[in-house]
Amino acid sequence: MISQIRTLLIATAFSLGLTIPAHAQKHLEKGEKMPTFSLTDQNGKTYNIADQVGKHKLVIYFYPKDESMVCTKEACGFRDMFDDFAKAGAIVIGINGGTVASHKAFVDHYKLPFVLLSDTGDKVYKMFGVKNKLFMSGRETFIVDLNGTVVYTHAAMLEGKAHADAALAALKAAK
């Protein structure tokens, strides 16, 4: 009953054009379908996630800030294991509220071989229900299967590299 009321309130707010704070969003859980979205990548091109469903497993990681210490360790962890993710049939996608220019500089600085998407209004953060932590955008990783279903989530705010390690282990275990 409470979940039905919550759903009704959220639907009403959206129909009125109101935004719901990230902390009020329902967290996307294992077994649920990933929402579809389009964001701008580090090269200024529109990236439509629906184009990837059915072609690859998706490792989507949300992180607070380009060039910060923990986020850099996280991104470099995904970079260093990029070939292993590819062998497991997955692509890696990083998302945060940074600008396209910030993402481009981050990709170039650390030679990141995957796409970074700019979610300046936290639209996709909210769709996934990723919560802010410690006055920053949250850090969470989701694995989505070929059918567009979330099969794994990992949240650890201060352990950036752990996201890449855990995601790869989850992909290997799912084989």
C-alpha atoms as a PDB file:
ATOM      1  CA  MET A   1       0.000   0.000   0.000  1.00  0.00           C
ATOM      2  CA  ILE A   2       2.764   2.463   0.912  1.00  0.00           C
ATOM      3  CA  SER A   3       4.680   1.681  -2.282  1.00  0.00           C
ATOM      4  CA  GLN A   4       1.505   2.303  -4.316  1.00  0.00           C
ATOM      5  CA  ILE A   5       1.024   5.674  -2.647  1.00  0.00           C
ATOM      6  CA  ARG A   6       4.677   6.560  -3.242  1.00  0.00           C
ATOM      7  CA  THR A   7       4.381   5.593  -6.924  1.00  0.00           C
ATOM      8  CA  LEU A   8       1.227   7.695  -7.260  1.00  0.00           C
ATOM      9  CA  LEU A   9       2.922  10.706  -5.646  1.00  0.00           C
ATOM     10  CA  ILE A  10       5.956  10.432  -7.913  1.00  0.00           C
ATOM     11  CA  ALA A  11       3.776  10.035 -11.030  1.00  0.00           C
ATOM     12  CA  THR A  12       1.694  13.047  -9.994  1.00  0.00           C
ATOM     13  CA  ALA A  13       4.804  15.152  -9.399  1.00  0.00           C
ATOM     14  CA  PHE A  14       6.208  14.241 -12.822  1.00  0.00           C
ATOM     15  CA  SER A  15       2.890  15.018 -14.537  1.00  0.00           C
ATOM     16  CA  LEU A  16       2.942  18.465 -12.906  1.00  0.00           C
ATOM     17  CA  GLY A  17       6.505  19.025 -14.070  1.00  0.00           C
ATOM     18  CA  LEU A  18       7.929  18.872 -10.554  1.00  0.00           C
ATOM     19  CA  THR A  19      11.270  17.270  -9.859  1.00  0.00           C
ATOM     20  CA  ILE A  20      11.792  14.763  -7.095  1.00  0.00           C
ATOM     21  CA  PRO A  21      15.021  15.078  -5.096  1.00  0.00           C
ATOM     22  CA  ALA A  22      17.477  12.199  -5.632  1.00  0.00           C
ATOM     23  CA  HIS A  23      17.018  11.066  -2.025  1.00  0.00           C
ATOM     24  CA  ALA A  24      13.292  10.517  -2.727  1.00  0.00           C
ATOM     25  CA  GLN A  25      13.815   8.365  -5.807  1.00  0.00           C
ATOM     26  CA  LYS A  26      13.326   4.631  -5.691  1.00  0.00           C
ATOM     27  CA  HIS A  27      16.631   2.811  -5.966  1.00  0.00           C
ATOM     28  CA  LEU A  28      16.929   0.561  -9.007  1.00  0.00           C
ATOM     29  CA  GLU A  29      17.329  -2.987  -7.737  1.00  0.00           C
ATOM     30  CA  LYS A  30      18.524  -6.318  -9.088  1.00  0.00           C
ATOM     31  CA  GLY A  31      15.847  -7.849 -11.323  1.00  0.00           C
ATOM     32  CA  GLU A  32      14.411  -4.502 -12.447  1.00  0.00           C
ATOM     33  CA  LYS A  33      14.589  -3.110 -15.975  1.00  0.00           C
ATOM     34  CA  MET A  34      17.079  -0.343 -16.563  1.00  0.00           C
ATOM     35  CA  PRO A  35      15.460   2.951 -17.591  1.00  0.00           C
ATOM     36  CA  THR A  36      16.323   4.233 -21.042  1.00  0.00           C
ATOM     37  CA  PHE A  37      18.105   7.551 -21.370  1.00  0.00           C
ATOM     38  CA  SER A  38      20.210   9.704 -23.648  1.00  0.00           C
ATOM     39  CA  LEU A  39      23.109  11.852 -22.464  1.00  0.00           C
ATOM     40  CA  THR A  40      26.017  13.661 -24.084  1.00  0.00           C
ATOM     41  CA  ASP A  41      29.377  11.861 -24.155  1.00  0.00           C
ATOM     42  CA  GLN A  42      32.866  13.301 -23.745  1.00  0.00           C
ATOM     43  CA  ASN A  43      32.999  14.053 -27.475  1.00  0.00           C
ATOM     44  CA  GLY A  44      29.785  16.079 -27.466  1.00  0.00           C
ATOM     45  CA  LYS A  45      27.736  13.335 -29.148  1.00  0.00           C
ATOM     46  CA  THR A  46      24.365  12.055 -27.984  1.00  0.00           C
ATOM     47  CA  TYR A  47      24.668   8.572 -26.476  1.00  0.00           C
ATOM     48  CA  ASN A  48      21.415   6.616 -26.379  1.00  0.00           C
ATOM     49  CA  ILE A  49      21.627   3.691 -23.963  1.00  0.00           C
ATOM     50  CA  ALA A  50      18.810   1.842 -25.762  1.00  0.00           C
ATOM     51  CA  ASP A  51      21.201   1.386 -28.702  1.00  0.00           C
ATOM     52  CA  GLN A  52      23.424  -0.805 -26.494  1.00  0.00           C
ATOM     53  CA  VAL A  53      20.795  -3.098 -24.958  1.00  0.00           C
ATOM     54  CA  GLY A  54      20.962  -6.531 -26.570  1.00  0.00           C
ATOM     55  CA  LYS A  55      24.438  -5.905 -27.997  1.00  0.00           C
ATOM     56  CA  HIS A  56      26.516  -5.854 -24.810  1.00  0.00           C
ATOM     57  CA  LYS A  57      26.282  -6.342 -21.091  1.00  0.00           C
ATOM     58  CA  LEU A  58      26.512  -2.882 -19.549  1.00  0.00           C
ATOM     59  CA  VAL A  59      28.653  -1.844 -16.619  1.00  0.00           C
ATOM     60  CA  ILE A  60      27.287   1.580 -15.694  1.00  0.00           C
ATOM     61  CA  TYR A  61      29.098   3.357 -12.932  1.00  0.00           C
ATOM     62  CA  PHE A  62      28.102   6.626 -11.302  1.00  0.00           C
ATOM     63  CA  TYR A  63      30.876   8.669  -9.708  1.00  0.00           C
ATOM     64  CA  PRO A  64      31.092  12.098  -8.049  1.00  0.00           C
ATOM     65  CA  LYS A  65      33.814  14.092  -9.836  1.00  0.00           C
ATOM     66  CA  ASP A  66      36.395  13.932 -12.602  1.00  0.00           C
ATOM     67  CA  GLU A  67      40.014  14.130 -11.395  1.00  0.00           C
ATOM     68  CA  SER A  68      39.217  13.570  -7.700  1.00  0.00           C
ATOM     69  CA  MET A  69      41.395  11.007  -5.934  1.00  0.00           C
ATOM     70  CA  VAL A  70      38.875   8.191  -5.409  1.00  0.00           C
ATOM     71  CA  CYS A  71      37.155   8.766  -8.764  1.00  0.00           C
ATOM     72  CA  THR A  72      40.482   8.646 -10.575  1.00  0.00           C
ATOM     73  CA  LYS A  73      41.352   5.335  -8.889  1.00  0.00           C
ATOM     74  CA  GLU A  74      37.943   4.018  -9.907  1.00  0.00           C
ATOM     75  CA  ALA A  75      38.240   5.141 -13.537  1.00  0.00           C
ATOM     76  CA  CYS A  76      41.780   3.776 -13.797  1.00  0.00           C
ATOM     77  CA  GLY A  77      40.588   0.473 -12.319  1.00  0.00           C
ATOM     78  CA  PHE A  78      38.008   0.165 -15.096  1.00  0.00           C
ATOM     79  CA  ARG A  79      40.659   1.246 -17.628  1.00  0.00           C
ATOM     80  CA  ASP A  80      43.221  -1.288 -16.421  1.00  0.00           C
ATOM     81  CA  MET A  81      40.670  -4.124 -16.640  1.00  0.00           C
ATOM     82  CA  PHE A  82      39.008  -2.868 -19.813  1.00  0.00           C
ATOM     83  CA  ASP A  83      40.100  -5.866 -21.902  1.00  0.00           C
ATOM     84  CA  ASP A  84      38.736  -8.244 -19.249  1.00  0.00           C
ATOM     85  CA  PHE A  85      35.372  -6.462 -19.356  1.00  0.00           C
ATOM     86  CA  ALA A  86      35.364  -6.720 -23.156  1.00  0.00           C
ATOM     87  CA  LYS A  87      36.174 -10.461 -22.973  1.00  0.00           C
ATOM     88  CA  ALA A  88      33.180 -10.831 -20.640  1.00  0.00           C
ATOM     89  CA  GLY A  89      31.001  -9.180 -23.306  1.00  0.00           C
ATOM     90  CA  ALA A  90      30.570  -5.908 -21.424  1.00  0.00           C
ATOM     91  CA  ILE A  91      31.102  -2.247 -22.109  1.00  0.00           C
ATOM     92  CA  VAL A  92      31.884   0.282 -19.399  1.00  0.00           C
ATOM     93  CA  ILE A  93      30.037   3.590 -19.109  1.00  0.00           C
ATOM     94  CA  GLY A  94      30.831   6.267 -16.525  1.00  0.00           C
ATOM     95  CA  ILE A  95      28.246   8.894 -15.560  1.00  0.00           C
ATOM     96  CA  ASN A  96      28.361  12.019 -13.429  1.00  0.00           C
ATOM     97  CA  GLY A  97      27.207  15.623 -13.437  1.00  0.00           C
ATOM     98  CA  GLY A  98      30.453  16.975 -14.886  1.00  0.00           C
ATOM     99  CA  THR A  99      30.596  18.876 -18.145  1.00  0.00           C
ATOM    100  CA  VAL A 100      31.480  17.439 -21.524  1.00  0.00           C
ATOM    101  CA  ALA A 101      34.764  19.399 -21.420  1.00  0.00           C
ATOM    102  CA  SER A 102      35.639  18.023 -17.974  1.00  0.00           C
ATOM    103  CA  HIS A 103      34.938  14.470 -19.157  1.00  0.00           C
ATOM    104  CA  LYS A 104      37.028  14.973 -22.305  1.00  0.00           C
ATOM    105  CA  ALA A 105      39.978  16.228 -20.265  1.00  0.00           C
ATOM    106  CA  PHE A 106      39.610  13.314 -17.799  1.00  0.00           C
ATOM    107  CA  VAL A 107      39.494  10.752 -20.632  1.00  0.00           C
ATOM    108  CA  ASP A 108      42.538  12.306 -22.302  1.00  0.00           C
ATOM    109  CA  HIS A 109      44.532  12.663 -19.067  1.00  0.00           C
ATOM    110  CA  TYR A 110      44.119   9.022 -18.019  1.00  0.00           C
ATOM    111  CA  LYS A 111      43.674   7.424 -21.464  1.00  0.00           C
ATOM    112  CA  LEU A 112      40.251   6.053 -20.534  1.00  0.00           C
ATOM    113  CA  PRO A 113      39.020   3.687 -23.286  1.00  0.00           C
ATOM    114  CA  PHE A 114      35.336   3.945 -22.396  1.00  0.00           C
ATOM    115  CA  VAL A 115      32.581   6.518 -22.641  1.00  0.00           C
ATOM    116  CA  LEU A 116      31.847   9.121 -19.973  1.00  0.00           C
ATOM    117  CA  LEU A 117      28.395  10.688 -20.011  1.00  0.00           C
ATOM    118  CA  SER A 118      27.452  14.131 -18.736  1.00  0.00           C
ATOM    119  CA  ASP A 119      24.375  14.108 -16.486  1.00  0.00           C
ATOM    120  CA  THR A 120      24.414  17.801 -15.547  1.00  0.00           C
ATOM    121  CA  GLY A 121      20.852  17.796 -14.216  1.00  0.00           C
ATOM    122  CA  ASP A 122      21.267  14.459 -12.389  1.00  0.00           C
ATOM    123  CA  LYS A 123      18.393  13.097 -14.505  1.00  0.00           C
ATOM    124  CA  VAL A 124      19.893   9.618 -14.823  1.00  0.00           C
ATOM    125  CA  TYR A 125      21.181   9.598 -11.244  1.00  0.00           C
ATOM    126  CA  LYS A 126      17.547  10.057 -10.223  1.00  0.00           C
ATOM    127  CA  MET A 127      16.283   7.369 -12.631  1.00  0.00           C
ATOM    128  CA  PHE A 128      18.638   4.858 -11.013  1.00  0.00           C
ATOM    129  CA  GLY A 129      17.951   6.179  -7.505  1.00  0.00           C
ATOM    130  CA  VAL A 130      21.630   6.796  -6.781  1.00  0.00           C
ATOM    131  CA  LYS A 131      21.794   8.715  -3.515  1.00  0.00           C
ATOM    132  CA  ASN A 132      24.085  11.598  -2.642  1.00  0.00           C
ATOM    133  CA  LYS A 133      26.668  10.801   0.032  1.00  0.00           C
ATOM    134  CA  LEU A 134      28.908  13.064   2.074  1.00  0.00           C
ATOM    135  CA  PHE A 135      27.595  16.166   0.233  1.00  0.00           C
ATOM    136  CA  MET A 136      28.627  14.663  -3.130  1.00  0.00           C
ATOM    137  CA  SER A 137      26.955  12.732  -5.892  1.00  0.00           C
ATOM    138  CA  GLY A 138      26.799   9.043  -5.074  1.00  0.00           C
ATOM    139  CA  ARG A 139      29.147   6.312  -6.249  1.00  0.00           C
ATOM    140  CA  GLU A 140      27.406   3.165  -7.447  1.00  0.00           C
ATOM    141  CA  THR A 141      27.892   0.544 -10.140  1.00  0.00           C
ATOM    142  CA  PHE A 142      25.160  -1.374 -11.963  1.00  0.00           C
ATOM    143  CA  ILE A 143      25.546  -4.344 -14.290  1.00  0.00           C
ATOM    144  CA  VAL A 144      22.789  -4.710 -16.867  1.00  0.00           C
ATOM    145  CA  ASP A 145      22.332  -7.911 -18.880  1.00  0.00           C
ATOM    146  CA  LEU A 146      21.546  -8.236 -22.588  1.00  0.00           C
ATOM    147  CA  ASN A 147      17.811  -7.970 -21.852  1.00  0.00           C
ATOM    148  CA  GLY A 148      18.192  -4.611 -20.091  1.00  0.00           C
ATOM    149  CA  THR A 149      17.722  -6.067 -16.602  1.00  0.00           C
ATOM    150  CA  VAL A 150      19.872  -5.046 -13.640  1.00  0.00           C
ATOM    151  CA  VAL A 151      21.712  -8.158 -12.470  1.00  0.00           C
ATOM    152  CA  TYR A 152      24.155  -6.629  -9.978  1.00  0.00           C
ATOM    153  CA  THR A 153      24.703  -3.441  -7.970  1.00  0.00           C
ATOM    154  CA  HIS A 154      27.633  -2.273  -5.884  1.00  0.00           C
ATOM    155  CA  ALA A 155      27.845   0.823  -3.678  1.00  0.00           C
ATOM    156  CA  ALA A 156      30.977   1.867  -1.791  1.00  0.00           C
ATOM    157  CA  MET A 157      31.545   5.601  -1.595  1.00  0.00           C
ATOM    158  CA  LEU A 158      35.205   5.686  -0.587  1.00  0.00           C
ATOM    159  CA  GLU A 159      36.420   2.545  -2.361  1.00  0.00           C
ATOM    160  CA  GLY A 160      36.673   3.555  -6.009  1.00  0.00           C
ATOM    161  CA  LYS A 161      38.750   0.701  -7.391  1.00  0.00           C
ATOM    162  CA  ALA A 162      36.547  -1.813  -5.569  1.00  0.00           C
ATOM    163  CA  HIS A 163      33.781  -1.014  -8.071  1.00  0.00           C
ATOM    164  CA  ALA A 164      35.808  -2.274 -11.025  1.00  0.00           C
ATOM    165  CA  ASP A 165      37.027  -5.333  -9.117  1.00  0.00           C
ATOM    166  CA  ALA A 166      33.528  -6.262  -7.904  1.00  0.00           C
ATOM    167  CA  ALA A 167      31.897  -5.665 -11.297  1.00  0.00           C
ATOM    168  CA  LEU A 168      34.398  -7.865 -13.102  1.00  0.00           C
ATOM    169  CA  ALA A 169      34.029 -10.611 -10.491  1.00  0.00           C
ATOM    170  CA  ALA A 170      30.233 -10.449 -10.862  1.00  0.00           C
ATOM    171  CA  LEU A 171      30.466 -10.693 -14.665  1.00  0.00           C
ATOM    172  CA  LYS A 172      32.796 -13.701 -14.443  1.00  0.00           C
ATOM    173  CA  ALA A 173      30.575 -15.418 -11.866  1.00  0.00           C
ATOM    174  CA  ALA A 174      27.509 -14.984 -14.107  1.00  0.00           C
ATOM    175  CA  LYS A 175      28.996 -17.070 -16.921  1.00  0.00           C
END
